[in-house]
């Protein structure tokens, strides 16, 4: 796991595993090209991809809050990731947020879709050549979330890259999100650090994604 505050809980489960897990956690938190918020979002997104909705999620929520991530930003991360990891998973995840005592949502306004442009619109156009109905649904989902406040484009793209790596969607989706991250200020070193950080949650998957990106 990725936060020393959870070491005692891990030691109670297995002391040798706790040593290995805490050591692996130092990897992510020592990476220089990701912000502390982004490192927290890596952990929270990885939890949804496995999903880890018990002890690891509680530890990562605590860690995110301790590193200055606002409760509403955690909620916005979950809203953003719903179509990427699946709406049913997110129902359970929001239930766990309530059980863990996260404050109720501050943003209760109706969602206002924002027309797509740039790489997101190109991705929708490419999908129209595959299936127009799927392209329409995708455009609707993307238009509802990428321009919302609370998270930056870079943070949203990095979270989506975590999903791509752990779900092994290593084609158009991976390339789109890497492009979006770089358009919002990420560098090749940022993406390399992301791959190194995600390796804690699935080394073979990070390895395959590194080859796919060919950085």
N, C-alpha and C. Protein backbone atom coordinates (compact mmCIF):
# COMPACT_ATOMS: atom_id res chain seq x y z
N UNK A 1 0.85 -1.19 0.00
CA UNK A 1 0.00 0.00 0.00
C UNK A 1 0.88 1.24 0.00
N UNK A 2 0.26 2.41 -0.07
CA UNK A 2 1.06 3.58 -0.39
C UNK A 2 1.08 4.65 0.70
N UNK A 3 0.74 4.30 1.91
CA UNK A 3 0.77 5.31 2.96
C UNK A 3 1.20 4.65 4.25
N UNK A 4 2.26 5.23 4.86
CA UNK A 4 2.81 4.62 6.05
C UNK A 4 1.80 4.57 7.19
N UNK A 5 0.80 5.47 7.18
CA UNK A 5 -0.19 5.47 8.24
C UNK A 5 -0.94 4.16 8.30
N UNK A 6 -0.97 3.41 7.19
CA UNK A 6 -1.67 2.14 7.17
C UNK A 6 -0.79 0.96 7.52
N UNK A 7 0.46 1.20 7.89
CA UNK A 7 1.41 0.11 8.12
C UNK A 7 0.95 -0.80 9.26
N UNK A 8 0.43 -0.22 10.33
CA UNK A 8 0.02 -1.04 11.48
C UNK A 8 -1.09 -2.02 11.08
N UNK A 9 -2.02 -1.55 10.26
CA UNK A 9 -3.10 -2.44 9.81
C UNK A 9 -2.55 -3.58 8.97
N UNK A 10 -1.56 -3.28 8.15
CA UNK A 10 -0.96 -4.32 7.32
C UNK A 10 -0.14 -5.30 8.15
N UNK A 11 0.57 -4.81 9.14
CA UNK A 11 1.36 -5.68 10.00
C UNK A 11 0.45 -6.69 10.71
N UNK A 12 -0.74 -6.23 11.09
CA UNK A 12 -1.70 -7.13 11.75
C UNK A 12 -2.13 -8.24 10.82
N UNK A 13 -2.13 -7.99 9.51
CA UNK A 13 -2.50 -9.03 8.55
C UNK A 13 -1.34 -9.99 8.29
N UNK A 14 -0.16 -9.44 8.03
CA UNK A 14 1.02 -10.26 7.76
C UNK A 14 2.25 -9.36 7.81
N UNK A 15 3.15 -9.55 8.75
CA UNK A 15 4.28 -8.62 8.92
C UNK A 15 5.25 -8.61 7.74
N UNK A 16 5.47 -9.76 7.11
CA UNK A 16 6.38 -9.79 5.96
C UNK A 16 5.76 -9.05 4.78
N UNK A 17 4.46 -9.33 4.52
CA UNK A 17 3.78 -8.61 3.45
C UNK A 17 3.77 -7.11 3.73
N UNK A 18 3.58 -6.72 5.00
CA UNK A 18 3.56 -5.30 5.35
C UNK A 18 4.88 -4.63 4.97
N UNK A 19 5.99 -5.31 5.23
CA UNK A 19 7.30 -4.76 4.87
C UNK A 19 7.42 -4.58 3.36
N UNK A 20 6.98 -5.59 2.60
CA UNK A 20 7.02 -5.50 1.15
C UNK A 20 6.12 -4.39 0.63
N UNK A 21 4.92 -4.29 1.20
CA UNK A 21 3.93 -3.31 0.72
C UNK A 21 4.37 -1.89 1.01
N UNK A 22 4.86 -1.65 2.22
CA UNK A 22 5.31 -0.30 2.56
C UNK A 22 6.50 0.09 1.69
N UNK A 23 7.39 -0.86 1.43
CA UNK A 23 8.51 -0.59 0.54
C UNK A 23 8.06 -0.22 -0.86
N UNK A 24 7.05 -0.94 -1.36
CA UNK A 24 6.51 -0.61 -2.69
C UNK A 24 5.87 0.76 -2.68
N UNK A 25 5.24 1.13 -1.58
CA UNK A 25 4.57 2.42 -1.49
C UNK A 25 5.54 3.59 -1.59
N UNK A 26 6.76 3.41 -1.12
CA UNK A 26 7.76 4.47 -1.24
C UNK A 26 8.02 4.82 -2.69
N UNK A 27 7.85 3.84 -3.58
CA UNK A 27 8.10 4.07 -5.01
C UNK A 27 7.22 5.20 -5.54
N UNK A 28 5.91 5.08 -5.37
CA UNK A 28 4.99 6.09 -5.90
C UNK A 28 5.24 7.46 -5.29
N UNK A 29 5.37 7.51 -3.96
CA UNK A 29 5.43 8.80 -3.28
C UNK A 29 6.77 9.49 -3.46
N UNK A 30 7.75 8.78 -4.00
CA UNK A 30 9.05 9.40 -4.27
C UNK A 30 9.21 9.88 -5.69
N UNK A 31 8.20 9.69 -6.54
CA UNK A 31 8.32 10.07 -7.95
C UNK A 31 8.20 11.59 -8.08
N UNK A 32 9.14 12.25 -8.78
CA UNK A 32 9.18 13.72 -8.78
C UNK A 32 8.28 14.42 -9.79
N UNK A 33 7.77 13.69 -10.78
CA UNK A 33 7.06 14.36 -11.87
C UNK A 33 5.54 14.26 -11.77
N UNK A 34 5.04 13.79 -10.64
CA UNK A 34 3.61 13.78 -10.34
C UNK A 34 3.37 14.62 -9.11
N UNK A 35 2.27 15.38 -9.09
CA UNK A 35 1.94 16.15 -7.90
C UNK A 35 1.40 15.22 -6.82
N UNK A 36 1.31 15.75 -5.60
CA UNK A 36 0.76 14.94 -4.52
C UNK A 36 -0.69 14.58 -4.79
N UNK A 37 -1.45 15.52 -5.35
CA UNK A 37 -2.83 15.22 -5.72
C UNK A 37 -2.88 14.10 -6.74
N UNK A 38 -2.03 14.17 -7.75
CA UNK A 38 -2.03 13.14 -8.79
C UNK A 38 -1.66 11.78 -8.22
N UNK A 39 -0.73 11.74 -7.29
CA UNK A 39 -0.36 10.46 -6.66
C UNK A 39 -1.55 9.90 -5.88
N UNK A 40 -2.27 10.78 -5.19
CA UNK A 40 -3.47 10.32 -4.48
C UNK A 40 -4.51 9.80 -5.45
N UNK A 41 -4.69 10.49 -6.59
CA UNK A 41 -5.67 10.06 -7.58
C UNK A 41 -5.26 8.74 -8.22
N UNK A 42 -3.96 8.49 -8.37
CA UNK A 42 -3.50 7.19 -8.88
C UNK A 42 -4.01 6.08 -7.96
N UNK A 43 -3.82 6.26 -6.66
CA UNK A 43 -4.23 5.22 -5.70
C UNK A 43 -5.75 5.03 -5.71
N UNK A 44 -6.49 6.13 -5.69
CA UNK A 44 -7.95 6.03 -5.64
C UNK A 44 -8.50 5.42 -6.92
N UNK A 45 -7.90 5.73 -8.06
CA UNK A 45 -8.35 5.15 -9.32
C UNK A 45 -8.02 3.67 -9.38
N UNK A 46 -6.83 3.31 -8.92
CA UNK A 46 -6.45 1.89 -8.91
C UNK A 46 -7.40 1.07 -8.05
N UNK A 47 -7.85 1.65 -6.95
CA UNK A 47 -8.81 0.94 -6.09
C UNK A 47 -10.09 0.59 -6.86
N UNK A 48 -10.53 1.51 -7.71
CA UNK A 48 -11.75 1.28 -8.48
C UNK A 48 -11.55 0.24 -9.57
N UNK A 49 -10.33 0.11 -10.05
CA UNK A 49 -10.06 -0.81 -11.16
C UNK A 49 -9.95 -2.26 -10.71
N UNK A 50 -9.68 -2.50 -9.44
CA UNK A 50 -9.49 -3.89 -9.04
C UNK A 50 -10.78 -4.63 -8.65
N UNK A 51 -11.76 -4.07 -7.94
CA UNK A 51 -11.72 -2.88 -7.08
C UNK A 51 -11.34 -3.24 -5.66
N UNK A 52 -10.69 -2.29 -4.98
CA UNK A 52 -10.32 -2.43 -3.58
C UNK A 52 -11.20 -1.47 -2.80
N UNK A 53 -12.28 -1.93 -2.24
CA UNK A 53 -13.23 -1.03 -1.59
C UNK A 53 -13.30 -1.24 -0.09
N UNK A 54 -12.31 -1.93 0.48
CA UNK A 54 -12.31 -2.13 1.92
C UNK A 54 -11.11 -1.42 2.55
N UNK A 55 -10.16 -2.17 3.10
CA UNK A 55 -9.03 -1.54 3.79
C UNK A 55 -8.20 -0.64 2.87
N UNK A 56 -7.80 -1.09 1.67
CA UNK A 56 -6.99 -0.18 0.83
C UNK A 56 -7.70 1.13 0.53
N UNK A 57 -8.99 1.09 0.21
CA UNK A 57 -9.70 2.32 -0.10
C UNK A 57 -9.73 3.24 1.11
N UNK A 58 -10.01 2.70 2.27
CA UNK A 58 -10.04 3.53 3.48
C UNK A 58 -8.69 4.19 3.72
N UNK A 59 -7.62 3.43 3.52
CA UNK A 59 -6.28 3.98 3.68
C UNK A 59 -6.00 5.07 2.67
N UNK A 60 -6.42 4.85 1.42
CA UNK A 60 -6.13 5.83 0.37
C UNK A 60 -6.98 7.08 0.51
N UNK A 61 -8.22 6.95 0.98
CA UNK A 61 -9.03 8.13 1.26
C UNK A 61 -8.38 8.95 2.36
N UNK A 62 -7.96 8.30 3.43
CA UNK A 62 -7.28 8.98 4.53
C UNK A 62 -6.02 9.67 4.03
N UNK A 63 -5.26 8.98 3.21
CA UNK A 63 -4.02 9.53 2.67
C UNK A 63 -4.29 10.73 1.78
N UNK A 64 -5.31 10.65 0.93
CA UNK A 64 -5.65 11.76 0.04
C UNK A 64 -6.02 13.00 0.84
N UNK A 65 -6.87 12.84 1.85
CA UNK A 65 -7.28 13.97 2.68
C UNK A 65 -6.09 14.56 3.43
N UNK A 66 -5.20 13.70 3.90
CA UNK A 66 -4.03 14.17 4.64
C UNK A 66 -3.08 14.97 3.75
N UNK A 67 -3.14 14.73 2.45
CA UNK A 67 -2.28 15.44 1.52
C UNK A 67 -3.00 16.59 0.82
N UNK A 68 -4.09 17.04 1.40
CA UNK A 68 -4.73 18.25 0.94
C UNK A 68 -5.76 18.09 -0.16
N UNK A 69 -6.14 16.87 -0.49
CA UNK A 69 -7.18 16.66 -1.51
C UNK A 69 -8.54 16.90 -0.86
N UNK A 70 -9.31 17.82 -1.43
CA UNK A 70 -10.61 18.15 -0.87
C UNK A 70 -11.60 16.99 -1.07
N UNK A 71 -12.51 16.78 -0.10
CA UNK A 71 -13.52 15.73 -0.28
C UNK A 71 -14.29 15.86 -1.59
N UNK A 72 -14.60 17.09 -1.99
CA UNK A 72 -15.35 17.28 -3.24
C UNK A 72 -14.52 16.88 -4.45
N UNK A 73 -13.18 17.01 -4.36
CA UNK A 73 -12.32 16.59 -5.46
C UNK A 73 -12.33 15.06 -5.60
N UNK A 74 -12.42 14.36 -4.48
CA UNK A 74 -12.54 12.90 -4.52
C UNK A 74 -13.85 12.52 -5.19
N UNK A 75 -14.91 13.22 -4.83
CA UNK A 75 -16.20 12.95 -5.46
C UNK A 75 -16.15 13.25 -6.96
N UNK A 76 -15.49 14.32 -7.34
CA UNK A 76 -15.40 14.67 -8.75
C UNK A 76 -14.57 13.64 -9.52
N UNK A 77 -13.53 13.11 -8.89
CA UNK A 77 -12.76 12.04 -9.52
C UNK A 77 -13.67 10.84 -9.80
N UNK A 78 -14.49 10.49 -8.84
CA UNK A 78 -15.41 9.36 -9.01
C UNK A 78 -16.42 9.64 -10.12
N UNK A 79 -16.96 10.87 -10.14
CA UNK A 79 -17.91 11.23 -11.20
C UNK A 79 -17.25 11.10 -12.57
N UNK A 80 -16.02 11.59 -12.66
CA UNK A 80 -15.31 11.55 -13.93
C UNK A 80 -15.08 10.12 -14.41
N UNK A 81 -14.76 9.24 -13.48
CA UNK A 81 -14.35 7.88 -13.85
C UNK A 81 -15.52 6.93 -14.10
N UNK A 82 -16.74 7.36 -13.82
CA UNK A 82 -17.88 6.45 -13.93
C UNK A 82 -17.97 5.70 -15.26
N UNK A 83 -17.88 6.36 -16.41
CA UNK A 83 -18.00 5.60 -17.66
C UNK A 83 -16.74 4.81 -18.00
N UNK A 84 -15.65 5.10 -17.33
CA UNK A 84 -14.39 4.42 -17.63
C UNK A 84 -14.24 3.12 -16.85
N UNK A 85 -14.71 3.10 -15.61
CA UNK A 85 -14.62 1.88 -14.81
C UNK A 85 -15.97 1.19 -14.68
N UNK A 86 -17.06 1.91 -15.02
CA UNK A 86 -18.40 1.32 -14.97
C UNK A 86 -19.26 1.95 -13.90
N UNK A 87 -20.46 2.36 -14.28
CA UNK A 87 -21.37 2.99 -13.33
C UNK A 87 -21.72 2.09 -12.15
N UNK A 88 -21.96 0.77 -12.33
CA UNK A 88 -22.29 -0.06 -11.16
C UNK A 88 -21.18 -0.08 -10.12
N UNK A 89 -19.91 -0.11 -10.55
CA UNK A 89 -18.81 -0.07 -9.59
C UNK A 89 -18.85 1.23 -8.80
N UNK A 90 -19.19 2.33 -9.48
CA UNK A 90 -19.18 3.62 -8.81
C UNK A 90 -20.29 3.73 -7.77
N UNK A 91 -21.41 3.04 -7.97
CA UNK A 91 -22.46 3.03 -6.94
C UNK A 91 -21.89 2.50 -5.64
N UNK A 92 -21.21 1.37 -5.72
CA UNK A 92 -20.59 0.78 -4.52
C UNK A 92 -19.53 1.72 -3.95
N UNK A 93 -18.76 2.36 -4.83
CA UNK A 93 -17.70 3.26 -4.36
C UNK A 93 -18.28 4.45 -3.61
N UNK A 94 -19.35 5.04 -4.12
CA UNK A 94 -19.97 6.16 -3.42
C UNK A 94 -20.58 5.71 -2.09
N UNK A 95 -21.10 4.49 -2.05
CA UNK A 95 -21.60 3.96 -0.78
C UNK A 95 -20.47 3.88 0.24
N UNK A 96 -19.29 3.46 -0.22
CA UNK A 96 -18.14 3.35 0.69
C UNK A 96 -17.69 4.72 1.17
N UNK A 97 -17.78 5.74 0.30
CA UNK A 97 -17.43 7.09 0.74
C UNK A 97 -18.32 7.52 1.90
N UNK A 98 -19.62 7.22 1.78
CA UNK A 98 -20.54 7.57 2.86
C UNK A 98 -20.20 6.81 4.14
N UNK A 99 -19.90 5.53 4.00
CA UNK A 99 -19.55 4.71 5.17
C UNK A 99 -18.27 5.19 5.84
N UNK A 100 -17.36 5.75 5.05
CA UNK A 100 -16.09 6.24 5.58
C UNK A 100 -16.21 7.66 6.14
N UNK A 101 -17.40 8.25 6.05
CA UNK A 101 -17.63 9.55 6.66
C UNK A 101 -17.26 10.74 5.81
N UNK A 102 -17.09 10.56 4.51
CA UNK A 102 -16.79 11.70 3.66
C UNK A 102 -17.99 12.65 3.66
N UNK A 103 -17.76 13.95 3.73
CA UNK A 103 -18.89 14.90 3.74
C UNK A 103 -19.78 14.75 2.51
N UNK A 104 -21.03 15.12 2.67
CA UNK A 104 -21.97 15.04 1.56
C UNK A 104 -21.53 15.96 0.42
N UNK A 105 -22.02 15.67 -0.77
CA UNK A 105 -21.65 16.44 -1.96
C UNK A 105 -22.03 17.90 -1.80
N UNK A 106 -21.11 18.78 -2.20
CA UNK A 106 -21.40 20.20 -2.22
C UNK A 106 -22.01 20.63 -3.55
N UNK A 107 -21.59 19.98 -4.61
CA UNK A 107 -22.08 20.31 -5.95
C UNK A 107 -23.32 19.47 -6.22
N UNK A 108 -24.46 20.11 -6.28
CA UNK A 108 -25.71 19.41 -6.56
C UNK A 108 -26.39 19.96 -7.81
N UNK A 109 -25.68 20.79 -8.55
CA UNK A 109 -26.26 21.39 -9.75
C UNK A 109 -26.40 20.37 -10.87
N UNK A 110 -27.36 20.62 -11.75
CA UNK A 110 -27.54 19.74 -12.91
C UNK A 110 -26.31 19.80 -13.81
N UNK A 111 -25.96 18.66 -14.37
CA UNK A 111 -24.81 18.58 -15.27
C UNK A 111 -25.13 19.29 -16.58
N UNK A 112 -24.21 20.14 -17.02
CA UNK A 112 -24.37 20.87 -18.28
C UNK A 112 -23.27 20.42 -19.24
N UNK A 113 -23.61 19.62 -20.24
CA UNK A 113 -22.60 19.15 -21.20
C UNK A 113 -21.92 20.32 -21.90
N UNK A 114 -20.63 20.16 -22.18
CA UNK A 114 -19.85 21.15 -22.90
C UNK A 114 -19.41 20.55 -24.23
N UNK A 115 -19.68 21.21 -25.36
CA UNK A 115 -19.27 20.65 -26.66
C UNK A 115 -17.79 20.28 -26.69
N UNK A 116 -17.50 19.16 -27.32
CA UNK A 116 -16.13 18.67 -27.38
C UNK A 116 -15.34 19.38 -28.46
N UNK A 117 -14.03 19.36 -28.31
CA UNK A 117 -13.14 19.90 -29.32
C UNK A 117 -11.82 19.14 -29.25
N UNK A 118 -10.92 19.42 -30.16
CA UNK A 118 -9.58 18.86 -30.11
C UNK A 118 -9.55 17.34 -30.15
N UNK A 119 -8.69 16.76 -29.32
CA UNK A 119 -8.47 15.32 -29.33
C UNK A 119 -9.72 14.54 -28.97
N UNK A 120 -10.54 15.07 -28.07
CA UNK A 120 -11.75 14.36 -27.68
C UNK A 120 -12.73 14.27 -28.85
N UNK A 121 -12.88 15.36 -29.58
CA UNK A 121 -13.80 15.33 -30.72
C UNK A 121 -13.25 14.45 -31.83
N UNK A 122 -11.94 14.45 -32.04
CA UNK A 122 -11.34 13.57 -33.06
C UNK A 122 -11.58 12.11 -32.70
N UNK A 123 -11.51 11.79 -31.42
CA UNK A 123 -11.74 10.41 -30.99
C UNK A 123 -13.17 9.98 -31.29
N UNK A 124 -14.12 10.89 -31.06
CA UNK A 124 -15.52 10.58 -31.35
C UNK A 124 -15.72 10.39 -32.85
N UNK A 125 -15.12 11.26 -33.67
CA UNK A 125 -15.23 11.13 -35.12
C UNK A 125 -14.67 9.79 -35.60
N UNK A 126 -13.53 9.38 -35.02
CA UNK A 126 -12.94 8.09 -35.39
C UNK A 126 -13.88 6.94 -35.03
N UNK A 127 -14.55 7.08 -33.90
CA UNK A 127 -15.45 6.03 -33.45
C UNK A 127 -16.70 5.95 -34.32
N UNK A 128 -17.08 7.05 -34.94
CA UNK A 128 -18.24 7.03 -35.84
C UNK A 128 -18.05 6.06 -36.99
N UNK A 129 -16.79 5.85 -37.39
CA UNK A 129 -16.50 4.90 -38.46
C UNK A 129 -16.65 3.46 -38.02
N UNK A 130 -16.73 3.25 -36.71
CA UNK A 130 -16.88 1.91 -36.15
C UNK A 130 -18.34 1.63 -35.83
N UNK A 131 -18.96 2.56 -35.07
CA UNK A 131 -20.37 2.39 -34.68
C UNK A 131 -20.92 3.75 -34.29
N UNK A 132 -21.91 4.23 -35.04
CA UNK A 132 -22.42 5.57 -34.79
C UNK A 132 -23.14 5.69 -33.44
N UNK A 133 -23.85 4.65 -33.07
CA UNK A 133 -24.55 4.69 -31.78
C UNK A 133 -23.57 4.77 -30.62
N UNK A 134 -22.51 3.98 -30.68
CA UNK A 134 -21.49 4.02 -29.63
C UNK A 134 -20.80 5.37 -29.62
N UNK A 135 -20.58 5.94 -30.82
CA UNK A 135 -19.96 7.26 -30.89
C UNK A 135 -20.85 8.32 -30.23
N UNK A 136 -22.15 8.24 -30.45
CA UNK A 136 -23.07 9.20 -29.84
C UNK A 136 -23.06 9.08 -28.31
N UNK A 137 -23.09 7.86 -27.81
CA UNK A 137 -23.05 7.67 -26.35
C UNK A 137 -21.72 8.19 -25.79
N UNK A 138 -20.62 7.90 -26.48
CA UNK A 138 -19.31 8.34 -26.01
C UNK A 138 -19.23 9.86 -25.99
N UNK A 139 -19.73 10.51 -27.04
CA UNK A 139 -19.70 11.97 -27.07
C UNK A 139 -20.49 12.54 -25.92
N UNK A 140 -21.65 11.97 -25.65
CA UNK A 140 -22.48 12.44 -24.55
C UNK A 140 -21.76 12.31 -23.22
N UNK A 141 -21.12 11.16 -22.99
CA UNK A 141 -20.42 10.94 -21.73
C UNK A 141 -19.22 11.86 -21.58
N UNK A 142 -18.46 12.05 -22.63
CA UNK A 142 -17.29 12.91 -22.56
C UNK A 142 -17.70 14.37 -22.36
N UNK A 143 -18.76 14.79 -23.05
CA UNK A 143 -19.21 16.18 -22.96
C UNK A 143 -19.71 16.54 -21.56
N UNK A 144 -20.11 15.54 -20.79
CA UNK A 144 -20.64 15.79 -19.45
C UNK A 144 -19.56 15.96 -18.39
N UNK A 145 -18.29 15.62 -18.70
CA UNK A 145 -17.32 15.57 -17.62
C UNK A 145 -15.99 16.27 -17.84
N UNK A 146 -15.47 16.34 -19.05
CA UNK A 146 -14.10 16.82 -19.21
C UNK A 146 -13.93 18.31 -18.93
N UNK A 147 -14.99 19.10 -19.02
CA UNK A 147 -14.89 20.54 -18.77
C UNK A 147 -15.42 20.94 -17.39
N UNK A 148 -15.76 19.96 -16.56
CA UNK A 148 -16.30 20.29 -15.24
C UNK A 148 -15.20 20.87 -14.35
N UNK A 149 -15.59 21.73 -13.37
CA UNK A 149 -14.62 22.23 -12.39
C UNK A 149 -14.25 21.15 -11.38
N UNK A 150 -13.22 21.43 -10.61
CA UNK A 150 -12.83 20.54 -9.52
C UNK A 150 -11.59 19.73 -9.79
N UNK A 151 -11.38 19.33 -11.04
CA UNK A 151 -10.17 18.63 -11.45
C UNK A 151 -9.67 19.28 -12.72
N UNK A 152 -8.35 19.30 -12.89
CA UNK A 152 -7.77 19.82 -14.12
C UNK A 152 -7.85 18.77 -15.23
N UNK A 153 -7.68 19.21 -16.48
CA UNK A 153 -7.62 18.27 -17.60
C UNK A 153 -6.48 17.28 -17.39
N UNK A 154 -5.35 17.77 -16.92
CA UNK A 154 -4.22 16.87 -16.67
C UNK A 154 -4.57 15.81 -15.63
N UNK A 155 -5.22 16.21 -14.55
CA UNK A 155 -5.60 15.24 -13.52
C UNK A 155 -6.59 14.22 -14.06
N UNK A 156 -7.55 14.69 -14.85
CA UNK A 156 -8.53 13.77 -15.43
C UNK A 156 -7.85 12.78 -16.38
N UNK A 157 -6.94 13.29 -17.20
CA UNK A 157 -6.26 12.43 -18.16
C UNK A 157 -5.37 11.41 -17.44
N UNK A 158 -4.70 11.84 -16.39
CA UNK A 158 -3.84 10.91 -15.63
C UNK A 158 -4.68 9.81 -15.00
N UNK A 159 -5.83 10.15 -14.44
CA UNK A 159 -6.71 9.12 -13.88
C UNK A 159 -7.16 8.14 -14.96
N UNK A 160 -7.49 8.66 -16.15
CA UNK A 160 -7.90 7.78 -17.24
C UNK A 160 -6.75 6.89 -17.71
N UNK A 161 -5.53 7.42 -17.67
CA UNK A 161 -4.37 6.58 -18.02
C UNK A 161 -4.20 5.43 -17.03
N UNK A 162 -4.47 5.68 -15.76
CA UNK A 162 -4.41 4.60 -14.77
C UNK A 162 -5.41 3.50 -15.15
N UNK A 163 -6.62 3.91 -15.54
CA UNK A 163 -7.62 2.92 -15.98
C UNK A 163 -7.11 2.15 -17.19
N UNK A 164 -6.57 2.86 -18.18
CA UNK A 164 -6.06 2.21 -19.38
C UNK A 164 -5.00 1.18 -19.04
N UNK A 165 -4.08 1.54 -18.15
CA UNK A 165 -2.99 0.63 -17.79
C UNK A 165 -3.53 -0.60 -17.08
N UNK A 166 -4.41 -0.40 -16.11
CA UNK A 166 -4.89 -1.53 -15.31
C UNK A 166 -5.94 -2.35 -16.04
N UNK A 167 -6.69 -1.74 -16.96
CA UNK A 167 -7.63 -2.49 -17.78
C UNK A 167 -6.99 -2.99 -19.07
N UNK A 168 -5.75 -2.57 -19.33
CA UNK A 168 -5.01 -2.97 -20.52
C UNK A 168 -5.71 -2.55 -21.81
N UNK A 169 -6.31 -1.36 -21.80
CA UNK A 169 -6.83 -0.76 -23.03
C UNK A 169 -5.69 0.07 -23.63
N UNK A 170 -4.84 -0.60 -24.37
CA UNK A 170 -3.55 -0.05 -24.76
C UNK A 170 -3.51 0.48 -26.19
N UNK A 171 -4.68 0.69 -26.78
CA UNK A 171 -4.75 1.22 -28.14
C UNK A 171 -5.14 2.68 -28.15
N UNK A 172 -6.26 2.98 -28.84
CA UNK A 172 -6.69 4.36 -29.01
C UNK A 172 -6.94 5.08 -27.69
N UNK A 173 -7.53 4.38 -26.72
CA UNK A 173 -7.84 5.02 -25.44
C UNK A 173 -6.57 5.48 -24.74
N UNK A 174 -5.58 4.62 -24.68
CA UNK A 174 -4.31 4.97 -24.03
C UNK A 174 -3.67 6.16 -24.73
N UNK A 175 -3.64 6.14 -26.05
CA UNK A 175 -3.00 7.23 -26.80
C UNK A 175 -3.76 8.54 -26.63
N UNK A 176 -5.10 8.47 -26.62
CA UNK A 176 -5.90 9.67 -26.42
C UNK A 176 -5.59 10.31 -25.08
N UNK A 177 -5.58 9.53 -24.03
CA UNK A 177 -5.39 10.09 -22.70
C UNK A 177 -3.95 10.58 -22.50
N UNK A 178 -2.99 9.92 -23.12
CA UNK A 178 -1.62 10.43 -23.07
C UNK A 178 -1.53 11.78 -23.78
N UNK A 179 -2.20 11.91 -24.93
CA UNK A 179 -2.21 13.18 -25.66
C UNK A 179 -2.88 14.27 -24.83
N UNK A 180 -4.00 13.96 -24.18
CA UNK A 180 -4.69 14.95 -23.37
C UNK A 180 -3.83 15.38 -22.18
N UNK A 181 -3.16 14.43 -21.55
CA UNK A 181 -2.29 14.77 -20.42
C UNK A 181 -1.17 15.70 -20.87
N UNK A 182 -0.57 15.40 -22.01
CA UNK A 182 0.55 16.23 -22.49
C UNK A 182 0.07 17.60 -22.95
N UNK A 183 -1.14 17.67 -23.51
CA UNK A 183 -1.67 18.97 -23.91
C UNK A 183 -1.94 19.86 -22.71
N UNK A 184 -2.05 19.26 -21.52
CA UNK A 184 -2.33 20.00 -20.30
C UNK A 184 -1.09 20.14 -19.42
N UNK A 185 0.09 19.91 -19.99
CA UNK A 185 1.31 20.19 -19.26
C UNK A 185 2.14 18.99 -18.84
N UNK A 186 1.63 17.78 -18.99
CA UNK A 186 2.42 16.60 -18.66
C UNK A 186 3.53 16.41 -19.70
N UNK A 187 4.62 15.85 -19.27
CA UNK A 187 5.75 15.55 -20.14
C UNK A 187 5.93 14.04 -20.25
N UNK A 188 6.87 13.63 -21.11
CA UNK A 188 7.20 12.20 -21.17
C UNK A 188 7.63 11.70 -19.80
N UNK A 189 8.35 12.52 -19.04
CA UNK A 189 8.79 12.10 -17.71
C UNK A 189 7.60 11.95 -16.76
N UNK A 190 6.58 12.79 -16.93
CA UNK A 190 5.36 12.63 -16.13
C UNK A 190 4.73 11.27 -16.40
N UNK A 191 4.63 10.91 -17.68
CA UNK A 191 4.00 9.65 -18.04
C UNK A 191 4.86 8.48 -17.57
N UNK A 192 6.17 8.62 -17.67
CA UNK A 192 7.05 7.56 -17.17
C UNK A 192 6.86 7.36 -15.67
N UNK A 193 6.79 8.46 -14.93
CA UNK A 193 6.56 8.35 -13.49
C UNK A 193 5.21 7.70 -13.21
N UNK A 194 4.21 8.03 -14.02
CA UNK A 194 2.90 7.40 -13.83
C UNK A 194 2.99 5.90 -14.01
N UNK A 195 3.67 5.46 -15.04
CA UNK A 195 3.84 4.02 -15.27
C UNK A 195 4.55 3.36 -14.10
N UNK A 196 5.57 4.03 -13.58
CA UNK A 196 6.31 3.48 -12.44
C UNK A 196 5.44 3.41 -11.20
N UNK A 197 4.59 4.43 -11.03
CA UNK A 197 3.70 4.43 -9.87
C UNK A 197 2.63 3.37 -9.95
N UNK A 198 2.05 3.20 -11.13
CA UNK A 198 0.99 2.21 -11.31
C UNK A 198 1.53 0.79 -11.19
N UNK A 199 2.83 0.62 -11.39
CA UNK A 199 3.43 -0.71 -11.28
C UNK A 199 3.16 -1.35 -9.93
N UNK A 200 2.96 -0.55 -8.90
CA UNK A 200 2.61 -1.08 -7.58
C UNK A 200 1.31 -1.86 -7.61
N UNK A 201 0.42 -1.50 -8.52
CA UNK A 201 -0.90 -2.10 -8.59
C UNK A 201 -1.01 -3.18 -9.66
N UNK A 202 0.07 -3.42 -10.38
CA UNK A 202 0.06 -4.45 -11.41
C UNK A 202 1.28 -4.31 -12.31
N UNK A 203 2.38 -4.90 -11.89
CA UNK A 203 3.64 -4.74 -12.61
C UNK A 203 3.55 -5.19 -14.07
N UNK A 204 2.99 -6.37 -14.38
CA UNK A 204 2.91 -6.76 -15.79
C UNK A 204 2.10 -5.79 -16.64
N UNK A 205 1.05 -5.21 -16.06
CA UNK A 205 0.23 -4.26 -16.80
C UNK A 205 1.01 -2.98 -17.11
N UNK A 206 1.74 -2.49 -16.11
CA UNK A 206 2.57 -1.29 -16.33
C UNK A 206 3.63 -1.56 -17.38
N UNK A 207 4.21 -2.72 -17.36
CA UNK A 207 5.22 -3.13 -18.32
C UNK A 207 4.65 -3.11 -19.74
N UNK A 208 3.47 -3.70 -19.90
CA UNK A 208 2.84 -3.73 -21.23
C UNK A 208 2.49 -2.33 -21.70
N UNK A 209 2.01 -1.46 -20.80
CA UNK A 209 1.66 -0.10 -21.18
C UNK A 209 2.91 0.70 -21.57
N UNK A 210 4.00 0.48 -20.88
CA UNK A 210 5.25 1.16 -21.22
C UNK A 210 5.68 0.81 -22.64
N UNK A 211 5.54 -0.45 -23.00
CA UNK A 211 5.87 -0.86 -24.38
C UNK A 211 4.90 -0.22 -25.38
N UNK A 212 3.62 -0.15 -25.03
CA UNK A 212 2.62 0.41 -25.95
C UNK A 212 2.87 1.89 -26.20
N UNK A 213 3.30 2.62 -25.17
CA UNK A 213 3.55 4.04 -25.32
C UNK A 213 4.91 4.33 -25.95
N UNK A 214 5.84 3.40 -25.83
CA UNK A 214 7.16 3.53 -26.46
C UNK A 214 7.83 4.87 -26.13
N UNK A 215 7.83 5.22 -24.87
CA UNK A 215 8.43 6.50 -24.46
C UNK A 215 9.94 6.40 -24.50
